[in-house]
Amino acid sequence: MVQTSSGLVDVHVGSASYLKLNHLELASGDSVRIIGENFTSGTNTVFLARIVQKGTTAVAVRSPKGMPLWRNGTRLQGTAKTQSQGGAL
């Protein structure tokens, strides 16, 4: 969960081990920039991160088409795109 000026957002950044392998570790209270898109699955909306940045370290976690870049990554099945353009948090 990420606190934004608009409230809490459920953000899926992918594998913690992938982030760590790329020299990025996240902790509660960290200031981050996240680029991605909103997706809806059933009645739940989540923000799927494509790029996660903390300080000067930025890690791509998904391709521009949403494919996970970490090993054994899986796409969300049965999701419907709710936003035609990406965004940043």
Protein backbone atom coordinates (compact mmCIF):
# COMPACT_ATOMS: atom_id res chain seq x y z
CA MET A 1 0.00 0.00 0.00
CA VAL A 2 1.27 3.46 -0.92
CA GLN A 3 0.02 6.66 0.68
CA THR A 4 -0.61 9.33 -1.96
CA SER A 5 -2.17 12.77 -1.79
CA SER A 6 -5.40 11.08 -2.95
CA GLY A 7 -5.30 8.36 -0.29
CA LEU A 8 -4.05 4.78 -0.03
CA VAL A 9 -3.36 2.90 -3.27
CA ASP A 10 -2.90 -0.88 -3.58
CA VAL A 11 0.34 -1.09 -5.60
CA HIS A 12 1.78 -4.32 -6.99
CA VAL A 13 5.52 -3.91 -7.54
CA GLY A 14 6.42 -7.55 -8.05
CA SER A 15 9.08 -9.68 -6.45
CA ALA A 16 10.98 -8.29 -3.44
CA SER A 17 13.93 -10.51 -4.33
CA TYR A 18 13.99 -9.01 -7.87
CA LEU A 19 14.05 -5.51 -6.41
CA LYS A 20 16.83 -6.46 -3.99
CA LEU A 21 18.83 -8.07 -6.81
CA ASN A 22 18.59 -4.69 -8.57
CA HIS A 23 19.78 -2.83 -5.45
CA LEU A 24 16.38 -1.47 -4.41
CA GLU A 25 14.85 -2.30 -1.03
CA LEU A 26 11.61 -0.74 0.14
CA ALA A 27 10.61 -0.03 3.72
CA SER A 28 7.59 1.55 5.33
CA GLY A 29 7.84 5.34 5.13
CA ASP A 30 10.15 5.41 2.09
CA SER A 31 9.52 8.15 -0.45
CA VAL A 32 9.09 6.47 -3.85
CA ARG A 33 8.00 7.25 -7.38
CA ILE A 34 6.02 4.54 -9.14
CA ILE A 35 5.05 4.55 -12.80
CA GLY A 36 2.42 2.12 -14.04
CA GLU A 37 -1.29 1.70 -14.70
CA ASN A 38 -4.52 0.95 -12.89
CA PHE A 39 -6.06 -2.47 -13.54
CA THR A 40 -9.33 -3.92 -12.37
CA SER A 41 -9.93 -7.55 -11.48
CA GLY A 42 -13.52 -8.20 -10.48
CA THR A 43 -14.37 -5.38 -8.08
CA ASN A 44 -10.76 -4.71 -7.01
CA THR A 45 -8.57 -2.06 -8.59
CA VAL A 46 -4.80 -2.23 -8.22
CA PHE A 47 -1.95 -0.13 -9.55
CA LEU A 48 0.50 -2.34 -11.46
CA ALA A 49 3.95 -0.80 -11.22
CA ARG A 50 6.13 -0.72 -14.31
CA ILE A 51 9.01 1.33 -12.86
CA VAL A 52 9.79 1.76 -9.15
CA GLN A 53 12.15 4.55 -8.12
CA LYS A 54 13.63 5.33 -4.70
CA GLY A 55 16.14 8.15 -4.65
CA THR A 56 18.34 7.82 -7.73
CA THR A 57 17.70 4.07 -8.12
CA ALA A 58 14.98 3.09 -10.58
CA VAL A 59 14.05 -0.50 -11.45
CA ALA A 60 11.80 -1.63 -14.31
CA VAL A 61 9.55 -4.39 -12.97
CA ARG A 62 7.23 -4.84 -15.97
CA SER A 63 7.48 -4.30 -19.71
CA PRO A 64 5.42 -1.50 -21.29
CA LYS A 65 2.81 -4.20 -22.09
CA GLY A 66 2.63 -5.31 -18.44
CA MET A 67 4.71 -8.49 -18.58
CA PRO A 68 6.64 -9.09 -15.33
CA LEU A 69 10.41 -8.86 -15.73
CA TRP A 70 11.30 -10.94 -12.67
CA ARG A 71 11.91 -14.67 -13.02
CA ASN A 72 8.76 -16.80 -12.75
CA GLY A 73 6.59 -13.69 -12.94
CA THR A 74 2.94 -14.15 -13.78
CA ARG A 75 0.47 -11.77 -15.30
CA LEU A 76 -2.83 -11.08 -13.61
CA GLN A 77 -5.42 -13.22 -15.33
CA GLY A 78 -8.77 -11.79 -16.39
CA THR A 79 -7.94 -8.15 -15.77
CA ALA A 80 -9.54 -5.28 -17.57
CA LYS A 81 -7.63 -2.11 -18.21
CA THR A 82 -9.43 0.84 -16.63
CA GLN A 83 -7.11 3.60 -17.71
CA SER A 84 -5.90 4.11 -21.26
CA GLN A 85 -2.78 6.01 -20.24
CA GLY A 86 -0.15 5.21 -17.64
CA GLY A 87 0.37 7.28 -14.57
CA ALA A 88 2.77 7.91 -11.76
CA LEU A 89 2.35 7.83 -7.99
